[in-house]
Amino acid sequence: MRIKEVSDRTGVSARLLRYYEEQGLLSPGRQENGYRDYGESHVARVQQIRSLLDAGLTTEIIRAVLPCLAEAASSKYPAPDFLARVRQERSRMVERRDWLSKNLQALDDYLGALANGSSK
């Protein structure tokens, strides 16, 4: 399928799809005329990439992790290096969550103080 169809099916712009290719996250085939040729597996890969990006991973980390995901999912004993990398990313995400929670609480406190002050 062409890039437009992948874009329509995934909700990811053609520009981002080309960027993912530049970053080594996608490897579509090429037709004789040079057009990108995506398969059904590319749609799933784009959805997976979006999910990982939404979780806060960088394209660099995703590039390193993507090849391992299928193997790790089907293996009882994933590679120790892979597990260490995933644990490291998880810790980073927990720190980010905690930081966001503190900021959210500060905003809630501020809005609460404003609401209490304006009701007087």
C-alpha atoms as a PDB file:
ATOM      1  CA  MET A   1       0.000   0.000   0.000  1.00  0.00           C
ATOM      2  CA  ARG A   2       1.087   3.571  -0.491  1.00  0.00           C
ATOM      3  CA  ILE A   3       2.079   6.055   2.187  1.00  0.00           C
ATOM      4  CA  LYS A   4      -1.289   7.860   1.961  1.00  0.00           C
ATOM      5  CA  GLU A   5      -3.204   4.707   2.863  1.00  0.00           C
ATOM      6  CA  VAL A   6      -0.912   3.978   5.816  1.00  0.00           C
ATOM      7  CA  SER A   7      -1.352   7.571   6.916  1.00  0.00           C
ATOM      8  CA  ASP A   8      -5.138   7.319   6.673  1.00  0.00           C
ATOM      9  CA  ARG A   9      -5.269   4.003   8.527  1.00  0.00           C
ATOM     10  CA  THR A  10      -2.961   5.028  11.365  1.00  0.00           C
ATOM     11  CA  GLY A  11      -3.756   8.724  11.705  1.00  0.00           C
ATOM     12  CA  VAL A  12      -0.043   9.500  11.321  1.00  0.00           C
ATOM     13  CA  SER A  13       0.897  12.075   8.699  1.00  0.00           C
ATOM     14  CA  ALA A  14       2.923  11.060   5.662  1.00  0.00           C
ATOM     15  CA  ARG A  15       5.591  13.483   6.842  1.00  0.00           C
ATOM     16  CA  LEU A  16       5.921  11.616  10.149  1.00  0.00           C
ATOM     17  CA  LEU A  17       6.009   8.283   8.345  1.00  0.00           C
ATOM     18  CA  ARG A  18       8.952   9.534   6.282  1.00  0.00           C
ATOM     19  CA  TYR A  19      10.582  10.770   9.500  1.00  0.00           C
ATOM     20  CA  TYR A  20      10.146   7.337  11.098  1.00  0.00           C
ATOM     21  CA  GLU A  21      11.856   5.872   8.043  1.00  0.00           C
ATOM     22  CA  GLU A  22      14.737   8.362   8.382  1.00  0.00           C
ATOM     23  CA  GLN A  23      15.066   7.403  12.047  1.00  0.00           C
ATOM     24  CA  GLY A  24      15.301   3.712  11.174  1.00  0.00           C
ATOM     25  CA  LEU A  25      11.945   2.842  12.730  1.00  0.00           C
ATOM     26  CA  LEU A  26      10.248   1.816   9.469  1.00  0.00           C
ATOM     27  CA  SER A  27      11.637   0.117   6.397  1.00  0.00           C
ATOM     28  CA  PRO A  28       9.064   0.115   3.611  1.00  0.00           C
ATOM     29  CA  GLY A  29       9.892  -1.532   0.336  1.00  0.00           C
ATOM     30  CA  ARG A  30      10.141   0.407  -2.882  1.00  0.00           C
ATOM     31  CA  GLN A  31       8.219  -0.069  -6.086  1.00  0.00           C
ATOM     32  CA  GLU A  32       9.960   0.194  -9.453  1.00  0.00           C
ATOM     33  CA  ASN A  33       8.836   3.817  -9.733  1.00  0.00           C
ATOM     34  CA  GLY A  34      10.446   4.607  -6.353  1.00  0.00           C
ATOM     35  CA  TYR A  35       7.208   4.892  -4.386  1.00  0.00           C
ATOM     36  CA  ARG A  36       7.240   3.469  -0.893  1.00  0.00           C
ATOM     37  CA  ASP A  37       5.448   0.140  -0.592  1.00  0.00           C
ATOM     38  CA  TYR A  38       4.000  -0.623   2.838  1.00  0.00           C
ATOM     39  CA  GLY A  39       2.577  -3.923   3.985  1.00  0.00           C
ATOM     40  CA  GLU A  40       0.019  -4.739   6.637  1.00  0.00           C
ATOM     41  CA  SER A  41       2.818  -5.268   9.162  1.00  0.00           C
ATOM     42  CA  HIS A  42       3.861  -1.634   8.705  1.00  0.00           C
ATOM     43  CA  VAL A  43       0.452  -0.460   9.921  1.00  0.00           C
ATOM     44  CA  ALA A  44       0.920  -2.432  13.138  1.00  0.00           C
ATOM     45  CA  ARG A  45       4.501  -1.154  13.444  1.00  0.00           C
ATOM     46  CA  VAL A  46       3.373   2.478  13.122  1.00  0.00           C
ATOM     47  CA  GLN A  47       0.735   1.925  15.805  1.00  0.00           C
ATOM     48  CA  GLN A  48       3.386   0.386  18.039  1.00  0.00           C
ATOM     49  CA  ILE A  49       5.740   3.312  17.424  1.00  0.00           C
ATOM     50  CA  ARG A  50       2.986   5.794  18.286  1.00  0.00           C
ATOM     51  CA  SER A  51       2.194   3.908  21.463  1.00  0.00           C
ATOM     52  CA  LEU A  52       5.835   3.937  22.544  1.00  0.00           C
ATOM     53  CA  LEU A  53       6.186   7.631  21.721  1.00  0.00           C
ATOM     54  CA  ASP A  54       3.012   8.385  23.679  1.00  0.00           C
ATOM     55  CA  ALA A  55       4.536   6.510  26.615  1.00  0.00           C
ATOM     56  CA  GLY A  56       7.444   8.941  26.552  1.00  0.00           C
ATOM     57  CA  LEU A  57      10.158   6.909  24.841  1.00  0.00           C
ATOM     58  CA  THR A  58      12.464   8.672  22.401  1.00  0.00           C
ATOM     59  CA  THR A  59      12.913   7.547  18.802  1.00  0.00           C
ATOM     60  CA  GLU A  60      16.457   6.518  19.720  1.00  0.00           C
ATOM     61  CA  ILE A  61      15.200   4.171  22.433  1.00  0.00           C
ATOM     62  CA  ILE A  62      12.393   2.903  20.210  1.00  0.00           C
ATOM     63  CA  ARG A  63      14.879   2.112  17.448  1.00  0.00           C
ATOM     64  CA  ALA A  64      16.873   0.010  19.903  1.00  0.00           C
ATOM     65  CA  VAL A  65      13.829  -1.672  21.439  1.00  0.00           C
ATOM     66  CA  LEU A  66      11.672  -2.434  18.391  1.00  0.00           C
ATOM     67  CA  PRO A  67      13.713  -5.377  17.088  1.00  0.00           C
ATOM     68  CA  CYS A  68      13.608  -6.978  20.519  1.00  0.00           C
ATOM     69  CA  LEU A  69       9.902  -6.586  21.222  1.00  0.00           C
ATOM     70  CA  ALA A  70       8.642  -9.499  19.146  1.00  0.00           C
ATOM     71  CA  GLU A  71      11.404 -11.763  20.408  1.00  0.00           C
ATOM     72  CA  ALA A  72      10.919 -10.677  24.012  1.00  0.00           C
ATOM     73  CA  ALA A  73       7.160 -11.133  23.800  1.00  0.00           C
ATOM     74  CA  SER A  74       7.575 -14.704  22.599  1.00  0.00           C
ATOM     75  CA  SER A  75      10.457 -15.591  24.922  1.00  0.00           C
ATOM     76  CA  LYS A  76      10.284 -16.665  28.539  1.00  0.00           C
ATOM     77  CA  TYR A  77      13.849 -15.426  28.999  1.00  0.00           C
ATOM     78  CA  PRO A  78      14.515 -12.148  27.166  1.00  0.00           C
ATOM     79  CA  ALA A  79      18.090 -10.921  26.839  1.00  0.00           C
ATOM     80  CA  PRO A  80      19.433  -9.339  30.062  1.00  0.00           C
ATOM     81  CA  ASP A  81      20.577  -6.211  28.192  1.00  0.00           C
ATOM     82  CA  PHE A  82      17.080  -5.721  26.839  1.00  0.00           C
ATOM     83  CA  LEU A  83      15.512  -6.131  30.275  1.00  0.00           C
ATOM     84  CA  ALA A  84      17.980  -3.664  31.773  1.00  0.00           C
ATOM     85  CA  ARG A  85      17.120  -1.116  29.080  1.00  0.00           C
ATOM     86  CA  VAL A  86      13.391  -1.567  29.640  1.00  0.00           C
ATOM     87  CA  ARG A  87      13.828  -1.237  33.406  1.00  0.00           C
ATOM     88  CA  GLN A  88      15.870   1.932  32.907  1.00  0.00           C
ATOM     89  CA  GLU A  89      13.169   3.441  30.673  1.00  0.00           C
ATOM     90  CA  ARG A  90      10.487   2.426  33.136  1.00  0.00           C
ATOM     91  CA  SER A  91      12.370   4.169  35.953  1.00  0.00           C
ATOM     92  CA  ARG A  92      12.701   7.279  33.824  1.00  0.00           C
ATOM     93  CA  MET A  93       8.963   7.233  33.140  1.00  0.00           C
ATOM     94  CA  VAL A  94       8.166   6.819  36.850  1.00  0.00           C
ATOM     95  CA  GLU A  95      10.347   9.835  37.649  1.00  0.00           C
ATOM     96  CA  ARG A  96       8.568  11.810  34.948  1.00  0.00           C
ATOM     97  CA  ARG A  97       5.154  10.714  36.284  1.00  0.00           C
ATOM     98  CA  ASP A  98       6.127  11.744  39.814  1.00  0.00           C
ATOM     99  CA  TRP A  99       7.341  15.128  38.592  1.00  0.00           C
ATOM    100  CA  LEU A 100       4.112  15.664  36.643  1.00  0.00           C
ATOM    101  CA  SER A 101       2.054  14.630  39.683  1.00  0.00           C
ATOM    102  CA  LYS A 102       3.842  17.207  41.853  1.00  0.00           C
ATOM    103  CA  ASN A 103       3.229  19.909  39.270  1.00  0.00           C
ATOM    104  CA  LEU A 104      -0.416  18.885  38.947  1.00  0.00           C
ATOM    105  CA  GLN A 105      -0.836  19.043  42.731  1.00  0.00           C
ATOM    106  CA  ALA A 106       0.758  22.505  42.800  1.00  0.00           C
ATOM    107  CA  LEU A 107      -1.679  23.694  40.125  1.00  0.00           C
ATOM    108  CA  ASP A 108      -4.616  22.171  42.001  1.00  0.00           C
ATOM    109  CA  ASP A 109      -3.484  23.900  45.213  1.00  0.00           C
ATOM    110  CA  TYR A 110      -3.159  27.203  43.369  1.00  0.00           C
ATOM    111  CA  LEU A 111      -6.597  26.896  41.765  1.00  0.00           C
ATOM    112  CA  GLY A 112      -8.082  25.875  45.113  1.00  0.00           C
ATOM    113  CA  ALA A 113      -6.554  28.888  46.814  1.00  0.00           C
ATOM    114  CA  LEU A 114      -7.940  31.160  44.089  1.00  0.00           C
ATOM    115  CA  ALA A 115     -11.394  29.619  44.377  1.00  0.00           C
ATOM    116  CA  ASN A 116     -11.380  30.000  48.175  1.00  0.00           C
ATOM    117  CA  GLY A 117     -10.143  33.575  47.933  1.00  0.00           C
ATOM    118  CA  SER A 118     -12.717  34.615  45.339  1.00  0.00           C
ATOM    119  CA  SER A 119     -15.670  33.177  47.320  1.00  0.00           C
ATOM    120  CA  LYS A 120     -15.093  35.604  50.202  1.00  0.00           C
END
